[in-house]
């Protein structure tokens, strides 16, 4: 679900927005959840919104322009200057404030909606933001996969003794290495392998082992390396273990 923050000093507007994304005055059926959104906060001025964003993540912001304490344009400028949120920002404005909306667009505002809001305009923005967010997540996932594959390759070069300064530099830049370091090879237990297991079955178990290892350490998941053995008959996972990992988890190093 995408998280939405609503910022407007009109109480009626906020109440109606929380009921439906289609009509700012009257609910006409569908709700935020049906479009994949949930209301994270409904606030009455830019200062409240600014304070909320410093400790909370949202994906989409609807903000009025004219509000007390901190107006919508000031909020947008604060977000850009301090980079406290990457949420897409949509301005709610009246016809007499159209010049403000144009200024907001120049300040990295995603879009604007004129009041009173029309169903098709608001729905279009919701679906556009949803699609853009999915695309951004996909790009990020692809980048993370590429980064993981590069790190895996560089670590294997070090483990097998075929490396240069660029390999060392890459590993140092992308891992949390400190203190004493050991390499541990983890293999699928032999009692899990029967005589009928073929390469496909063993590969599946190896991938399950790799996923389970990463889930255990979470923030240090990139310390696990897939398929490091010299032997084609070994289905293993390598682990770069730092001596500070156990104390951070308040467990003995052997565990």
C-alpha atoms as a PDB file:
ATOM      1  CA  UNK A   1       0.000   0.000   0.000  1.00  0.00           C
ATOM      2  CA  UNK A   2       1.210   3.492  -0.840  1.00  0.00           C
ATOM      3  CA  UNK A   3       1.134   5.973   2.060  1.00  0.00           C
ATOM      4  CA  UNK A   4      -0.546   9.354   1.544  1.00  0.00           C
ATOM      5  CA  UNK A   5      -0.258  12.530   3.589  1.00  0.00           C
ATOM      6  CA  UNK A   6      -3.012  15.159   3.322  1.00  0.00           C
ATOM      7  CA  UNK A   7      -2.202  18.753   4.268  1.00  0.00           C
ATOM      8  CA  UNK A   8      -4.977  21.357   4.324  1.00  0.00           C
ATOM      9  CA  UNK A   9      -6.402  23.716   6.920  1.00  0.00           C
ATOM     10  CA  UNK A  10      -9.988  23.052   5.814  1.00  0.00           C
ATOM     11  CA  UNK A  11     -11.328  20.426   8.220  1.00  0.00           C
ATOM     12  CA  UNK A  12     -14.183  19.451   5.899  1.00  0.00           C
ATOM     13  CA  UNK A  13     -11.720  18.874   3.081  1.00  0.00           C
ATOM     14  CA  UNK A  14      -9.548  16.577   5.171  1.00  0.00           C
ATOM     15  CA  UNK A  15     -12.533  14.614   6.448  1.00  0.00           C
ATOM     16  CA  UNK A  16     -13.921  14.073   2.958  1.00  0.00           C
ATOM     17  CA  UNK A  17     -10.480  13.149   1.554  1.00  0.00           C
ATOM     18  CA  UNK A  18     -10.145  10.447   4.172  1.00  0.00           C
ATOM     19  CA  UNK A  19     -13.435   8.962   3.001  1.00  0.00           C
ATOM     20  CA  UNK A  20     -12.750   8.876  -0.734  1.00  0.00           C
ATOM     21  CA  UNK A  21     -10.058   9.949  -3.179  1.00  0.00           C
ATOM     22  CA  UNK A  22     -12.621  10.789  -5.862  1.00  0.00           C
ATOM     23  CA  UNK A  23     -14.571  13.664  -4.436  1.00  0.00           C
ATOM     24  CA  UNK A  24     -13.337  16.211  -1.908  1.00  0.00           C
ATOM     25  CA  UNK A  25     -16.845  16.968  -0.649  1.00  0.00           C
ATOM     26  CA  UNK A  26     -18.966  13.832  -1.033  1.00  0.00           C
ATOM     27  CA  UNK A  27     -17.916  10.189  -1.028  1.00  0.00           C
ATOM     28  CA  UNK A  28     -19.141   8.451  -4.164  1.00  0.00           C
ATOM     29  CA  UNK A  29     -18.216   4.820  -3.594  1.00  0.00           C
ATOM     30  CA  UNK A  30     -14.601   3.797  -3.920  1.00  0.00           C
ATOM     31  CA  UNK A  31     -12.057   4.385  -1.147  1.00  0.00           C
ATOM     32  CA  UNK A  32      -8.291   4.906  -0.973  1.00  0.00           C
ATOM     33  CA  UNK A  33      -7.595   1.237  -0.295  1.00  0.00           C
ATOM     34  CA  UNK A  34      -9.197   0.092  -3.549  1.00  0.00           C
ATOM     35  CA  UNK A  35      -6.581   2.185  -5.401  1.00  0.00           C
ATOM     36  CA  UNK A  36      -3.726   0.816  -3.312  1.00  0.00           C
ATOM     37  CA  UNK A  37      -3.377   3.759  -0.911  1.00  0.00           C
ATOM     38  CA  UNK A  38      -3.719   4.359   2.803  1.00  0.00           C
ATOM     39  CA  UNK A  39      -3.915   7.661   4.683  1.00  0.00           C
ATOM     40  CA  UNK A  40      -0.748   8.049   6.772  1.00  0.00           C
ATOM     41  CA  UNK A  41      -1.661  11.487   8.157  1.00  0.00           C
ATOM     42  CA  UNK A  42      -4.166  14.328   7.728  1.00  0.00           C
ATOM     43  CA  UNK A  43      -2.583  17.579   8.898  1.00  0.00           C
ATOM     44  CA  UNK A  44      -3.610  21.225   8.914  1.00  0.00           C
ATOM     45  CA  UNK A  45      -0.440  23.134   8.001  1.00  0.00           C
ATOM     46  CA  UNK A  46       2.992  22.766   6.463  1.00  0.00           C
ATOM     47  CA  UNK A  47       4.838  22.825   9.795  1.00  0.00           C
ATOM     48  CA  UNK A  48       2.902  19.791  11.033  1.00  0.00           C
ATOM     49  CA  UNK A  49       3.627  18.052   7.744  1.00  0.00           C
ATOM     50  CA  UNK A  50       7.325  18.938   7.923  1.00  0.00           C
ATOM     51  CA  UNK A  51       7.591  17.524  11.467  1.00  0.00           C
ATOM     52  CA  UNK A  52       5.790  14.349  10.418  1.00  0.00           C
ATOM     53  CA  UNK A  53       8.032  13.776   7.398  1.00  0.00           C
ATOM     54  CA  UNK A  54      11.202  13.961   9.477  1.00  0.00           C
ATOM     55  CA  UNK A  55      10.244  10.672  11.170  1.00  0.00           C
ATOM     56  CA  UNK A  56       7.797   9.021   8.768  1.00  0.00           C
ATOM     57  CA  UNK A  57       7.902   7.882   5.158  1.00  0.00           C
ATOM     58  CA  UNK A  58       5.085   8.617   2.714  1.00  0.00           C
ATOM     59  CA  UNK A  59       4.775   8.080  -1.027  1.00  0.00           C
ATOM     60  CA  UNK A  60       2.364  10.868  -1.988  1.00  0.00           C
ATOM     61  CA  UNK A  61       1.553  14.286  -0.537  1.00  0.00           C
ATOM     62  CA  UNK A  62      -1.576  16.332  -1.303  1.00  0.00           C
ATOM     63  CA  UNK A  63      -1.092  19.851   0.017  1.00  0.00           C
ATOM     64  CA  UNK A  64      -3.044  23.071  -0.131  1.00  0.00           C
ATOM     65  CA  UNK A  65      -1.033  26.224  -0.889  1.00  0.00           C
ATOM     66  CA  UNK A  66      -2.472  28.800   1.501  1.00  0.00           C
ATOM     67  CA  UNK A  67      -2.176  27.564   5.093  1.00  0.00           C
ATOM     68  CA  UNK A  68      -1.138  29.163   8.397  1.00  0.00           C
ATOM     69  CA  UNK A  69       2.358  28.842   9.953  1.00  0.00           C
ATOM     70  CA  UNK A  70       3.896  27.216   6.863  1.00  0.00           C
ATOM     71  CA  UNK A  71       2.179  27.229   3.453  1.00  0.00           C
ATOM     72  CA  UNK A  72       2.353  24.548   0.792  1.00  0.00           C
ATOM     73  CA  UNK A  73       5.123  26.161  -1.270  1.00  0.00           C
ATOM     74  CA  UNK A  74       7.288  26.638   1.822  1.00  0.00           C
ATOM     75  CA  UNK A  75       6.741  22.993   2.718  1.00  0.00           C
ATOM     76  CA  UNK A  76       7.760  21.902  -0.785  1.00  0.00           C
ATOM     77  CA  UNK A  77      10.898  24.069  -0.660  1.00  0.00           C
ATOM     78  CA  UNK A  78      11.830  22.635   2.756  1.00  0.00           C
ATOM     79  CA  UNK A  79      11.430  19.091   1.459  1.00  0.00           C
ATOM     80  CA  UNK A  80      13.658  19.810  -1.539  1.00  0.00           C
ATOM     81  CA  UNK A  81      16.315  21.689   0.433  1.00  0.00           C
ATOM     82  CA  UNK A  82      16.633  19.153   3.248  1.00  0.00           C
ATOM     83  CA  UNK A  83      15.757  16.043   1.205  1.00  0.00           C
ATOM     84  CA  UNK A  84      13.589  14.703   4.011  1.00  0.00           C
ATOM     85  CA  UNK A  85      11.218  12.895   1.644  1.00  0.00           C
ATOM     86  CA  UNK A  86      11.122  11.526  -1.890  1.00  0.00           C
ATOM     87  CA  UNK A  87       7.308  11.509  -1.926  1.00  0.00           C
ATOM     88  CA  UNK A  88       5.561  12.908  -4.986  1.00  0.00           C
ATOM     89  CA  UNK A  89       4.000  16.263  -4.168  1.00  0.00           C
ATOM     90  CA  UNK A  90       0.593  17.352  -5.532  1.00  0.00           C
ATOM     91  CA  UNK A  91      -0.733  20.865  -4.925  1.00  0.00           C
ATOM     92  CA  UNK A  92      -4.419  21.549  -4.218  1.00  0.00           C
ATOM     93  CA  UNK A  93      -5.263  25.027  -5.432  1.00  0.00           C
ATOM     94  CA  UNK A  94      -8.073  27.334  -6.516  1.00  0.00           C
ATOM     95  CA  UNK A  95      -8.267  29.174  -9.831  1.00  0.00           C
ATOM     96  CA  UNK A  96      -7.119  32.408  -8.217  1.00  0.00           C
ATOM     97  CA  UNK A  97      -3.937  30.678  -7.006  1.00  0.00           C
ATOM     98  CA  UNK A  98      -2.937  29.202 -10.361  1.00  0.00           C
ATOM     99  CA  UNK A  99       0.321  31.189 -10.484  1.00  0.00           C
ATOM    100  CA  UNK A 100       1.321  29.498  -7.213  1.00  0.00           C
ATOM    101  CA  UNK A 101       0.717  26.105  -8.781  1.00  0.00           C
ATOM    102  CA  UNK A 102       3.007  27.037 -11.661  1.00  0.00           C
ATOM    103  CA  UNK A 103       5.689  28.044  -9.169  1.00  0.00           C
ATOM    104  CA  UNK A 104       5.231  24.709  -7.375  1.00  0.00           C
ATOM    105  CA  UNK A 105       5.787  22.822 -10.638  1.00  0.00           C
ATOM    106  CA  UNK A 106       9.086  24.653 -11.076  1.00  0.00           C
ATOM    107  CA  UNK A 107      10.035  23.473  -7.574  1.00  0.00           C
ATOM    108  CA  UNK A 108       9.781  19.772  -8.378  1.00  0.00           C
ATOM    109  CA  UNK A 109       6.057  19.428  -7.714  1.00  0.00           C
ATOM    110  CA  UNK A 110       4.633  16.336  -9.402  1.00  0.00           C
ATOM    111  CA  UNK A 111       1.263  17.857 -10.341  1.00  0.00           C
ATOM    112  CA  UNK A 112      -1.537  20.146  -9.210  1.00  0.00           C
ATOM    113  CA  UNK A 113      -5.318  19.852  -8.904  1.00  0.00           C
ATOM    114  CA  UNK A 114      -7.755  22.733  -9.135  1.00  0.00           C
ATOM    115  CA  UNK A 115     -10.540  22.907  -6.559  1.00  0.00           C
ATOM    116  CA  UNK A 116     -13.195  21.671  -6.673  1.00  0.00           C
ATOM    117  CA  UNK A 117     -11.497  18.435  -7.618  1.00  0.00           C
ATOM    118  CA  UNK A 118     -12.881  16.381 -10.478  1.00  0.00           C
ATOM    119  CA  UNK A 119     -13.079  12.621 -10.125  1.00  0.00           C
ATOM    120  CA  UNK A 120     -11.217  11.764 -13.334  1.00  0.00           C
ATOM    121  CA  UNK A 121      -8.365  14.218 -12.608  1.00  0.00           C
ATOM    122  CA  UNK A 122      -7.705  12.879  -9.130  1.00  0.00           C
ATOM    123  CA  UNK A 123      -8.036   9.273 -10.240  1.00  0.00           C
ATOM    124  CA  UNK A 124      -5.570   9.935 -13.051  1.00  0.00           C
ATOM    125  CA  UNK A 125      -2.987  11.285 -10.597  1.00  0.00           C
ATOM    126  CA  UNK A 126      -3.450   8.377  -8.185  1.00  0.00           C
ATOM    127  CA  UNK A 127      -2.923   5.797 -10.904  1.00  0.00           C
ATOM    128  CA  UNK A 128      -0.052   7.717 -12.463  1.00  0.00           C
ATOM    129  CA  UNK A 129       1.783   7.899  -9.136  1.00  0.00           C
ATOM    130  CA  UNK A 130       1.087   4.219  -8.518  1.00  0.00           C
ATOM    131  CA  UNK A 131       2.576   3.244 -11.893  1.00  0.00           C
ATOM    132  CA  UNK A 132       5.610   5.506 -11.455  1.00  0.00           C
ATOM    133  CA  UNK A 133       6.243   4.071  -7.992  1.00  0.00           C
ATOM    134  CA  UNK A 134       6.120   0.510  -9.335  1.00  0.00           C
ATOM    135  CA  UNK A 135       8.583   1.451 -12.082  1.00  0.00           C
ATOM    136  CA  UNK A 136      10.913   3.084  -9.551  1.00  0.00           C
ATOM    137  CA  UNK A 137      10.807   0.012  -7.321  1.00  0.00           C
ATOM    138  CA  UNK A 138      11.574  -2.232 -10.279  1.00  0.00           C
ATOM    139  CA  UNK A 139      14.543  -0.071 -11.308  1.00  0.00           C
ATOM    140  CA  UNK A 140      15.817  -0.088  -7.718  1.00  0.00           C
ATOM    141  CA  UNK A 141      15.463  -3.882  -7.498  1.00  0.00           C
ATOM    142  CA  UNK A 142      17.394  -4.310 -10.758  1.00  0.00           C
ATOM    143  CA  UNK A 143      20.141  -2.000  -9.511  1.00  0.00           C
ATOM    144  CA  UNK A 144      20.365  -3.890  -6.219  1.00  0.00           C
ATOM    145  CA  UNK A 145      20.572  -7.215  -8.070  1.00  0.00           C
ATOM    146  CA  UNK A 146      23.375  -5.889 -10.274  1.00  0.00           C
ATOM    147  CA  UNK A 147      25.195  -4.502  -7.251  1.00  0.00           C
ATOM    148  CA  UNK A 148      24.820  -7.829  -5.435  1.00  0.00           C
ATOM    149  CA  UNK A 149      26.143  -9.758  -8.435  1.00  0.00           C
ATOM    150  CA  UNK A 150      29.169  -7.432  -8.689  1.00  0.00           C
ATOM    151  CA  UNK A 151      29.890  -7.761  -4.979  1.00  0.00           C
ATOM    152  CA  UNK A 152      29.540 -11.539  -5.212  1.00  0.00           C
ATOM    153  CA  UNK A 153      32.026 -11.631  -8.096  1.00  0.00           C
ATOM    154  CA  UNK A 154      34.562  -9.429  -6.302  1.00  0.00           C
ATOM    155  CA  UNK A 155      34.358 -11.444  -3.075  1.00  0.00           C
ATOM    156  CA  UNK A 156      34.901 -14.704  -4.936  1.00  0.00           C
ATOM    157  CA  UNK A 157      37.987 -13.161  -6.569  1.00  0.00           C
ATOM    158  CA  UNK A 158      39.390 -12.438  -3.092  1.00  0.00           C
ATOM    159  CA  UNK A 159      38.460 -15.860  -1.704  1.00  0.00           C
ATOM    160  CA  UNK A 160      40.153 -17.650  -4.594  1.00  0.00           C
ATOM    161  CA  UNK A 161      43.240 -15.447  -4.473  1.00  0.00           C
ATOM    162  CA  UNK A 162      42.741 -13.894  -7.906  1.00  0.00           C
ATOM    163  CA  UNK A 163      42.286 -10.216  -7.166  1.00  0.00           C
ATOM    164  CA  UNK A 164      43.767  -6.757  -7.568  1.00  0.00           C
ATOM    165  CA  UNK A 165      43.354  -3.384  -5.849  1.00  0.00           C
ATOM    166  CA  UNK A 166      40.057  -2.673  -7.638  1.00  0.00           C
ATOM    167  CA  UNK A 167      38.526  -5.869  -6.181  1.00  0.00           C
ATOM    168  CA  UNK A 168      39.692  -4.926  -2.689  1.00  0.00           C
ATOM    169  CA  UNK A 169      38.372  -1.392  -3.040  1.00  0.00           C
ATOM    170  CA  UNK A 170      34.952  -2.534  -4.248  1.00  0.00           C
ATOM    171  CA  UNK A 171      34.545  -4.996  -1.364  1.00  0.00           C
ATOM    172  CA  UNK A 172      35.660  -2.409   1.198  1.00  0.00           C
ATOM    173  CA  UNK A 173      33.169   0.127  -0.191  1.00  0.00           C
ATOM    174  CA  UNK A 174      30.193  -2.242  -0.174  1.00  0.00           C
ATOM    175  CA  UNK A 175      30.610  -4.316   2.996  1.00  0.00           C
ATOM    176  CA  UNK A 176      30.638  -3.524   6.710  1.00  0.00           C
ATOM    177  CA  UNK A 177      34.041  -5.049   7.513  1.00  0.00           C
ATOM    178  CA  UNK A 178      35.621  -4.577  10.938  1.00  0.00           C
ATOM    179  CA  UNK A 179      37.762  -6.456  13.420  1.00  0.00           C
ATOM    180  CA  UNK A 180      38.840 -10.007  12.785  1.00  0.00           C
ATOM    181  CA  UNK A 181      37.380 -11.544   9.627  1.00  0.00           C
ATOM    182  CA  UNK A 182      36.832 -15.213   8.781  1.00  0.00           C
ATOM    183  CA  UNK A 183      35.482 -17.009   5.764  1.00  0.00           C
ATOM    184  CA  UNK A 184      32.996 -19.791   6.531  1.00  0.00           C
ATOM    185  CA  UNK A 185      31.708 -22.236   3.951  1.00  0.00           C
ATOM    186  CA  UNK A 186      28.138 -23.432   4.518  1.00  0.00           C
ATOM    187  CA  UNK A 187      26.889 -26.463   2.612  1.00  0.00           C
ATOM    188  CA  UNK A 188      23.575 -28.257   2.326  1.00  0.00           C
ATOM    189  CA  UNK A 189      23.574 -31.007   4.975  1.00  0.00           C
ATOM    190  CA  UNK A 190      24.249 -34.421   3.465  1.00  0.00           C
ATOM    191  CA  UNK A 191      21.262 -35.964   5.289  1.00  0.00           C
ATOM    192  CA  UNK A 192      19.025 -33.650   3.225  1.00  0.00           C
ATOM    193  CA  UNK A 193      20.339 -35.162   0.006  1.00  0.00           C
ATOM    194  CA  UNK A 194      19.026 -38.522  -1.162  1.00  0.00           C
ATOM    195  CA  UNK A 195      20.204 -40.691  -4.011  1.00  0.00           C
ATOM    196  CA  UNK A 196      17.444 -39.403  -6.297  1.00  0.00           C
ATOM    197  CA  UNK A 197      18.440 -35.724  -5.916  1.00  0.00           C
ATOM    198  CA  UNK A 198      19.533 -34.272  -9.224  1.00  0.00           C
ATOM    199  CA  UNK A 199      21.296 -31.006 -10.023  1.00  0.00           C
ATOM    200  CA  UNK A 200      18.011 -29.096 -10.149  1.00  0.00           C
ATOM    201  CA  UNK A 201      16.919 -30.293  -6.673  1.00  0.00           C
ATOM    202  CA  UNK A 202      20.310 -29.481  -5.168  1.00  0.00           C
ATOM    203  CA  UNK A 203      20.301 -26.045  -6.764  1.00  0.00           C
ATOM    204  CA  UNK A 204      16.874 -25.333  -5.263  1.00  0.00           C
ATOM    205  CA  UNK A 205      18.134 -26.345  -1.807  1.00  0.00           C
ATOM    206  CA  UNK A 206      21.211 -24.180  -2.269  1.00  0.00           C
ATOM    207  CA  UNK A 207      19.052 -21.149  -3.113  1.00  0.00           C
ATOM    208  CA  UNK A 208      16.834 -21.852  -0.097  1.00  0.00           C
ATOM    209  CA  UNK A 209      19.950 -22.029   2.086  1.00  0.00           C
ATOM    210  CA  UNK A 210      21.187 -18.724   0.650  1.00  0.00           C
ATOM    211  CA  UNK A 211      17.834 -17.008   1.328  1.00  0.00           C
ATOM    212  CA  UNK A 212      17.681 -18.407   4.872  1.00  0.00           C
ATOM    213  CA  UNK A 213      21.213 -17.166   5.628  1.00  0.00           C
ATOM    214  CA  UNK A 214      20.421 -13.645   4.423  1.00  0.00           C
ATOM    215  CA  UNK A 215      17.210 -13.585   6.453  1.00  0.00           C
ATOM    216  CA  UNK A 216      19.130 -14.420   9.647  1.00  0.00           C
ATOM    217  CA  UNK A 217      21.550 -11.482   9.408  1.00  0.00           C
ATOM    218  CA  UNK A 218      19.309  -9.063   7.510  1.00  0.00           C
ATOM    219  CA  UNK A 219      21.391  -5.854   7.636  1.00  0.00           C
ATOM    220  CA  UNK A 220      24.544  -7.890   6.913  1.00  0.00           C
ATOM    221  CA  UNK A 221      22.923 -10.007   4.210  1.00  0.00           C
ATOM    222  CA  UNK A 222      25.565  -8.971   1.672  1.00  0.00           C
ATOM    223  CA  UNK A 223      28.136 -10.917   3.714  1.00  0.00           C
ATOM    224  CA  UNK A 224      26.776 -14.110   2.149  1.00  0.00           C
ATOM    225  CA  UNK A 225      28.139 -15.231  -1.210  1.00  0.00           C
ATOM    226  CA  UNK A 226      26.449 -17.684  -3.546  1.00  0.00           C
ATOM    227  CA  UNK A 227      28.297 -20.645  -5.062  1.00  0.00           C
ATOM    228  CA  UNK A 228      31.930 -20.185  -4.003  1.00  0.00           C
ATOM    229  CA  UNK A 229      33.268 -23.755  -4.087  1.00  0.00           C
ATOM    230  CA  UNK A 230      35.855 -24.875  -6.624  1.00  0.00           C
ATOM    231  CA  UNK A 231      33.992 -28.162  -6.968  1.00  0.00           C
ATOM    232  CA  UNK A 232      30.951 -28.464  -9.210  1.00  0.00           C
ATOM    233  CA  UNK A 233      29.598 -31.132  -6.865  1.00  0.00           C
ATOM    234  CA  UNK A 234      29.378 -28.778  -3.890  1.00  0.00           C
ATOM    235  CA  UNK A 235      26.283 -26.601  -3.464  1.00  0.00           C
ATOM    236  CA  UNK A 236      27.382 -24.047  -0.922  1.00  0.00           C
ATOM    237  CA  UNK A 237      27.065 -20.533   0.450  1.00  0.00           C
ATOM    238  CA  UNK A 238      30.077 -18.504   1.590  1.00  0.00           C
ATOM    239  CA  UNK A 239      29.920 -16.305   4.688  1.00  0.00           C
ATOM    240  CA  UNK A 240      32.270 -13.398   5.442  1.00  0.00           C
ATOM    241  CA  UNK A 241      32.096 -13.316   9.248  1.00  0.00           C
ATOM    242  CA  UNK A 242      33.293 -10.291  11.246  1.00  0.00           C
ATOM    243  CA  UNK A 243      34.043 -10.689  14.956  1.00  0.00           C
ATOM    244  CA  UNK A 244      31.709  -7.801  15.895  1.00  0.00           C
ATOM    245  CA  UNK A 245      28.585  -9.529  14.502  1.00  0.00           C
ATOM    246  CA  UNK A 246      28.029 -11.780  17.528  1.00  0.00           C
ATOM    247  CA  UNK A 247      28.402  -9.068  20.235  1.00  0.00           C
ATOM    248  CA  UNK A 248      25.973  -6.827  18.329  1.00  0.00           C
ATOM    249  CA  UNK A 249      23.390  -9.587  18.576  1.00  0.00           C
ATOM    250  CA  UNK A 250      24.321 -10.425  22.171  1.00  0.00           C
ATOM    251  CA  UNK A 251      25.071 -14.070  21.327  1.00  0.00           C
ATOM    252  CA  UNK A 252      28.254 -16.192  21.552  1.00  0.00           C
ATOM    253  CA  UNK A 253      30.399 -16.183  18.421  1.00  0.00           C
ATOM    254  CA  UNK A 254      29.936 -19.957  18.015  1.00  0.00           C
ATOM    255  CA  UNK A 255      26.154 -19.529  17.828  1.00  0.00           C
END
